[in-house]
Protein backbone atom coordinates (compact mmCIF):
# COMPACT_ATOMS: atom_id res chain seq x y z
CA MET A 1 86.85 82.69 41.77
CA GLU A 2 84.03 84.75 43.05
CA ARG A 3 83.61 85.69 46.84
CA LYS A 4 80.65 84.32 48.43
CA THR A 5 79.18 87.45 49.91
CA ASP A 6 79.51 91.20 49.87
CA LYS A 7 79.38 91.36 53.68
CA ILE A 8 82.44 93.03 55.19
CA LEU A 9 83.73 90.89 58.11
CA MET A 10 86.86 92.94 58.91
CA GLU A 11 88.44 96.22 57.65
CA THR A 12 91.13 98.65 58.29
CA ARG A 13 90.77 102.47 57.80
CA ASP A 14 93.99 104.40 57.26
CA LEU A 15 95.92 101.85 59.39
CA CYS A 16 99.52 103.06 60.00
CA ARG A 17 102.57 101.83 61.84
CA ASN A 18 105.71 103.99 62.03
CA PHE A 19 109.07 103.01 63.35
CA GLY A 20 110.78 106.21 63.38
CA ALA A 21 110.84 107.49 59.74
CA LEU A 22 110.07 104.11 58.40
CA LYS A 23 106.41 103.62 57.49
CA ALA A 24 105.87 99.77 57.91
CA THR A 25 102.33 100.37 57.05
CA ASP A 26 101.06 103.40 55.37
CA GLN A 27 97.31 104.31 55.51
CA VAL A 28 96.26 100.87 54.55
CA ASN A 29 92.52 100.44 53.82
CA LEU A 30 91.70 96.64 53.51
CA GLN A 31 88.32 95.09 53.39
CA ILE A 32 87.92 91.35 54.00
CA TYR A 33 84.58 89.84 52.96
CA GLU A 34 82.94 87.13 54.94
CA GLY A 35 83.59 83.62 53.68
CA GLU A 36 86.61 84.44 51.26
CA MET A 37 90.11 83.16 51.20
CA HIS A 38 92.04 86.42 50.95
CA ALA A 39 95.80 86.48 50.07
CA ILE A 40 98.30 89.33 51.04
CA ILE A 41 101.42 89.43 49.09
CA GLY A 42 104.41 91.75 48.61
CA PRO A 43 108.22 91.76 48.63
CA ASN A 44 110.09 91.18 51.91
CA GLY A 45 109.64 94.32 54.04
CA ALA A 46 106.42 95.35 52.38
CA GLY A 47 104.57 95.34 55.76
CA LYS A 48 102.62 92.27 55.41
CA SER A 49 103.23 90.55 58.88
CA THR A 50 103.09 93.93 60.56
CA LEU A 51 99.62 94.49 59.11
CA MET A 52 98.47 91.20 60.64
CA ASP A 53 99.97 92.19 63.91
CA LEU A 54 98.22 95.55 63.86
CA ILE A 55 94.78 93.75 63.32
CA ILE A 56 95.22 91.71 66.46
CA ASN A 57 96.89 94.66 68.24
CA ARG A 58 100.04 92.53 68.84
CA THR A 59 101.65 95.69 67.39
CA ARG A 60 100.14 99.03 68.32
CA PRO A 61 99.18 101.27 65.50
CA SER A 62 100.40 104.75 65.04
CA GLY A 63 97.13 105.71 63.52
CA GLY A 64 94.04 104.27 61.81
CA GLN A 65 91.32 101.86 63.03
CA VAL A 66 90.54 98.23 62.77
CA PHE A 67 86.79 96.98 62.70
CA PHE A 68 85.53 93.47 63.07
CA GLN A 69 81.86 92.67 62.41
CA GLY A 70 81.15 96.32 62.46
CA ARG A 71 82.86 96.80 65.87
CA GLU A 72 86.05 98.82 66.40
CA ILE A 73 88.66 96.75 67.85
CA THR A 74 91.88 98.90 67.27
CA TYR A 75 93.00 99.10 70.97
CA MET A 76 91.40 95.98 72.32
CA GLN A 77 93.63 93.57 74.22
CA PRO A 78 94.82 90.79 72.04
CA TYR A 79 93.17 88.07 74.08
CA ASP A 80 89.83 90.02 73.94
CA ILE A 81 90.27 90.11 70.11
CA ALA A 82 90.90 86.31 70.18
CA ASN A 83 87.73 85.94 72.18
CA LEU A 84 85.81 87.65 69.44
CA GLY A 85 86.87 85.04 66.83
CA ILE A 86 89.96 86.12 65.28
CA SER A 87 92.96 83.64 65.48
CA LYS A 88 96.36 83.65 64.07
CA CYS A 89 98.99 81.17 62.99
CA PHE A 90 102.47 82.76 63.04
CA GLN A 91 105.19 82.41 60.61
CA ILE A 92 107.42 81.04 63.54
CA SER A 93 105.98 78.23 65.42
CA LYS A 94 104.22 79.18 68.73
CA LEU A 95 103.69 75.63 69.92
CA PHE A 96 104.59 74.27 73.25
CA PRO A 97 107.46 71.92 71.95
CA ALA A 98 107.65 69.88 74.96
CA LEU A 99 103.97 69.09 75.15
CA THR A 100 102.05 66.47 73.09
CA CYS A 101 99.70 67.30 70.33
CA PHE A 102 96.81 66.54 72.64
CA GLU A 103 98.26 68.84 75.53
CA ASN A 104 98.68 71.77 72.99
CA ILE A 105 95.26 71.56 71.75
CA ARG A 106 93.73 71.11 75.30
CA ILE A 107 95.32 74.37 76.42
CA ALA A 108 93.37 76.05 73.62
CA LEU A 109 90.25 74.39 74.47
CA ILE A 110 90.69 75.29 78.23
CA LYS A 111 91.04 78.97 77.18
CA ARG A 112 87.91 78.75 74.78
CA LYS A 113 85.90 77.23 77.54
CA GLY A 114 86.86 79.88 80.09
CA LYS A 115 88.30 77.07 82.28
CA THR A 116 91.69 78.66 82.73
CA TYR A 117 91.93 77.68 86.40
CA ASP A 118 91.36 74.06 85.20
CA PHE A 119 94.82 74.01 83.70
CA LEU A 120 95.83 71.08 85.96
CA PRO A 121 92.67 68.99 85.67
CA LYS A 122 92.18 65.83 88.08
CA LYS A 123 92.13 63.49 85.12
CA LYS A 124 94.66 63.22 82.29
CA SER A 125 91.94 62.30 79.83
CA TYR A 126 90.31 65.66 80.37
CA LEU A 127 89.07 66.89 77.15
CA ARG A 128 90.77 64.12 75.23
CA GLU A 129 87.93 63.12 73.06
CA GLU A 130 87.30 66.76 71.97
CA CYS A 131 91.04 67.06 71.09
CA ARG A 132 90.94 63.94 69.10
CA GLU A 133 88.15 65.13 67.02
CA ILE A 134 90.12 68.40 66.32
CA LEU A 135 93.18 66.56 65.41
CA LYS A 136 91.08 64.34 63.08
CA LEU A 137 90.25 67.41 61.04
CA VAL A 138 93.77 67.99 60.06
CA GLY A 139 94.52 64.27 59.60
CA MET A 140 96.74 63.94 62.80
CA GLU A 141 94.52 61.87 65.26
CA GLU A 142 97.05 59.11 65.29
CA LYS A 143 99.74 61.60 66.54
CA MET A 144 97.74 62.77 69.51
CA ASP A 145 100.34 61.70 71.99
CA ASP A 146 103.39 62.70 69.90
CA THR A 147 105.62 65.40 71.16
CA ALA A 148 105.23 68.60 69.27
CA ALA A 149 108.96 69.17 68.99
CA LEU A 150 109.54 65.75 67.31
CA LEU A 151 106.80 66.34 64.50
CA SER A 152 107.88 67.02 61.00
CA TYR A 153 107.67 70.75 60.07
CA GLY A 154 104.51 70.05 57.95
CA ASP A 155 102.93 68.39 60.80
CA GLN A 156 103.77 71.25 63.09
CA ARG A 157 102.12 73.53 60.78
CA ARG A 158 98.91 71.29 60.83
CA LEU A 159 99.03 71.12 64.54
CA GLU A 160 99.15 74.91 64.76
CA ILE A 161 96.14 74.99 62.57
CA ALA A 162 94.38 72.44 64.87
CA VAL A 163 95.19 74.65 67.88
CA THR A 164 93.63 77.69 66.06
CA LEU A 165 90.50 75.53 65.24
CA ALA A 166 90.08 74.72 68.92
CA MET A 167 89.54 78.53 69.44
CA GLU A 168 86.54 78.34 66.88
CA PRO A 169 87.70 81.22 64.76
CA ILE A 170 85.49 83.28 62.49
CA LEU A 171 88.53 84.92 60.95
CA LEU A 172 91.72 82.83 60.55
CA MET A 173 94.93 84.73 59.77
CA LEU A 174 97.87 82.53 58.49
CA ASP A 175 101.36 83.96 58.16
CA GLU A 176 103.13 81.89 55.38
CA PRO A 177 101.24 78.60 56.33
CA THR A 178 103.33 76.59 53.70
CA ALA A 179 106.84 78.06 54.42
CA GLY A 180 109.51 75.29 54.94
CA VAL A 181 107.40 72.67 53.34
CA ALA A 182 107.77 70.98 50.03
CA ARG A 183 105.44 72.32 47.32
CA ALA A 184 103.26 69.14 47.22
CA GLU A 185 102.73 69.28 51.00
CA GLY A 186 101.97 73.06 50.74
CA TYR A 187 99.21 72.32 48.28
CA GLU A 188 97.75 69.69 50.62
CA ILE A 189 97.96 72.04 53.55
CA MET A 190 96.12 74.85 51.64
CA LYS A 191 93.59 72.32 50.18
CA MET A 192 92.82 71.25 53.86
CA ILE A 193 92.59 74.93 54.92
CA ARG A 194 90.03 75.63 52.16
CA ARG A 195 88.11 72.47 53.02
CA LEU A 196 88.04 73.27 56.70
CA ALA A 197 87.07 76.89 56.02
CA GLY A 198 84.20 75.84 54.06
CA GLN A 199 83.09 73.33 56.42
CA ARG A 200 83.21 75.47 59.50
CA GLN A 201 82.25 78.87 57.82
CA ILE A 202 85.70 80.39 58.51
CA THR A 203 87.12 83.42 56.62
CA VAL A 204 90.76 83.15 55.83
CA VAL A 205 93.55 85.82 55.25
CA PHE A 206 96.85 84.40 54.42
CA ILE A 207 100.45 85.71 53.68
CA GLU A 208 102.30 83.67 51.04
CA HIS A 209 105.34 83.99 48.80
CA ASP A 210 104.64 81.06 46.59
CA MET A 211 102.65 82.62 43.73
CA ASP A 212 101.45 79.46 42.53
CA ILE A 213 99.69 78.69 45.77
CA VAL A 214 98.37 82.27 45.94
CA PHE A 215 96.81 82.23 42.52
CA HIS A 216 95.37 78.77 43.02
CA TYR A 217 93.71 79.28 46.41
CA SER A 218 92.79 82.94 46.86
CA ASP A 219 89.52 84.53 46.13
CA ARG A 220 91.14 87.88 46.13
CA ILE A 221 94.65 89.28 46.53
CA SER A 222 95.91 92.33 48.12
CA VAL A 223 99.32 93.59 47.20
CA LEU A 224 101.45 95.52 49.61
CA SER A 225 104.59 97.70 48.52
CA GLN A 226 106.67 99.69 51.03
CA GLY A 227 103.81 99.60 53.57
CA ALA A 228 101.29 100.82 51.06
CA LEU A 229 98.41 98.75 49.73
CA ILE A 230 98.67 99.14 45.93
CA VAL A 231 95.90 96.88 44.76
CA THR A 232 93.20 94.45 45.86
CA ASP A 233 91.58 92.41 43.16
CA GLU A 234 90.72 88.87 41.85
CA PRO A 235 93.70 86.79 41.07
CA GLN A 236 93.52 87.17 37.25
CA ARG A 237 93.22 90.88 37.39
CA VAL A 238 96.16 91.03 39.71
CA ARG A 239 98.06 88.98 37.14
CA GLU A 240 97.27 91.44 34.49
CA ASN A 241 97.81 94.58 36.65
CA GLN A 242 100.81 96.51 35.08
CA PHE A 243 101.58 98.41 38.20
CA VAL A 244 101.62 95.15 40.10
CA LYS A 245 104.07 93.59 37.64
CA GLU A 246 106.29 96.34 37.97
CA ALA A 247 106.23 96.93 41.71
CA TYR A 248 106.25 93.22 42.77
CA PHE A 249 106.98 90.93 39.87
CA GLY A 250 109.60 93.09 38.18
CA GLY A 251 107.60 93.58 35.11
CA ALA A 252 107.66 89.84 34.37
CA GLN A 253 104.80 88.03 32.96
CA VAL A 254 102.96 85.81 35.70
């Protein structure tokens, strides 16, 4: 697959995070192009989730810089970074489990609209139709009043994506979006993400361990090993890269 544009949306320059002598990320230079589906892969402990957290300043870098739409965001507060249009779905659910799907999405809408002090609106139906439209995007409008904790794991992942869509992201980052679901459902989730990204002009960066999904849905792939970025390339070239085979695939044909 070819990327849609050569315009850089987000990039890191020599981005580092050290935990004592451990280099969780080691001078990572990553460029994300506008409109692409970009996978980040690597063995456990390679620094994938740390890299995502550094981009949104959830983890403070030891060195280096992060730029979004040409603007440095390295030390901005995470909520200010979110307001610029970067949203992240975490590997572990960050939903409010005791609230309904409607209420989870309404919180995101209230934040996006700058109506934080309207958290307890006079009407229970406040923003209900907008929430319904967002849930419809992920095929969950009929579950609007279901409690998040009672949803299947796959539906919880869909709800998390709906919550991020409520924030109208420009860049959507997903940490293992198909983890914990059957492969068939994982494919459906990724198919939905690709469709929504195209419809809403969202650039997607995702971490994934299922190589079938990675090679099927990514426009480009970045491979991390021991905190260092060892290659970024198109899927077929990553398959053929001997260094990647040795470092990540154990020399096996993929």
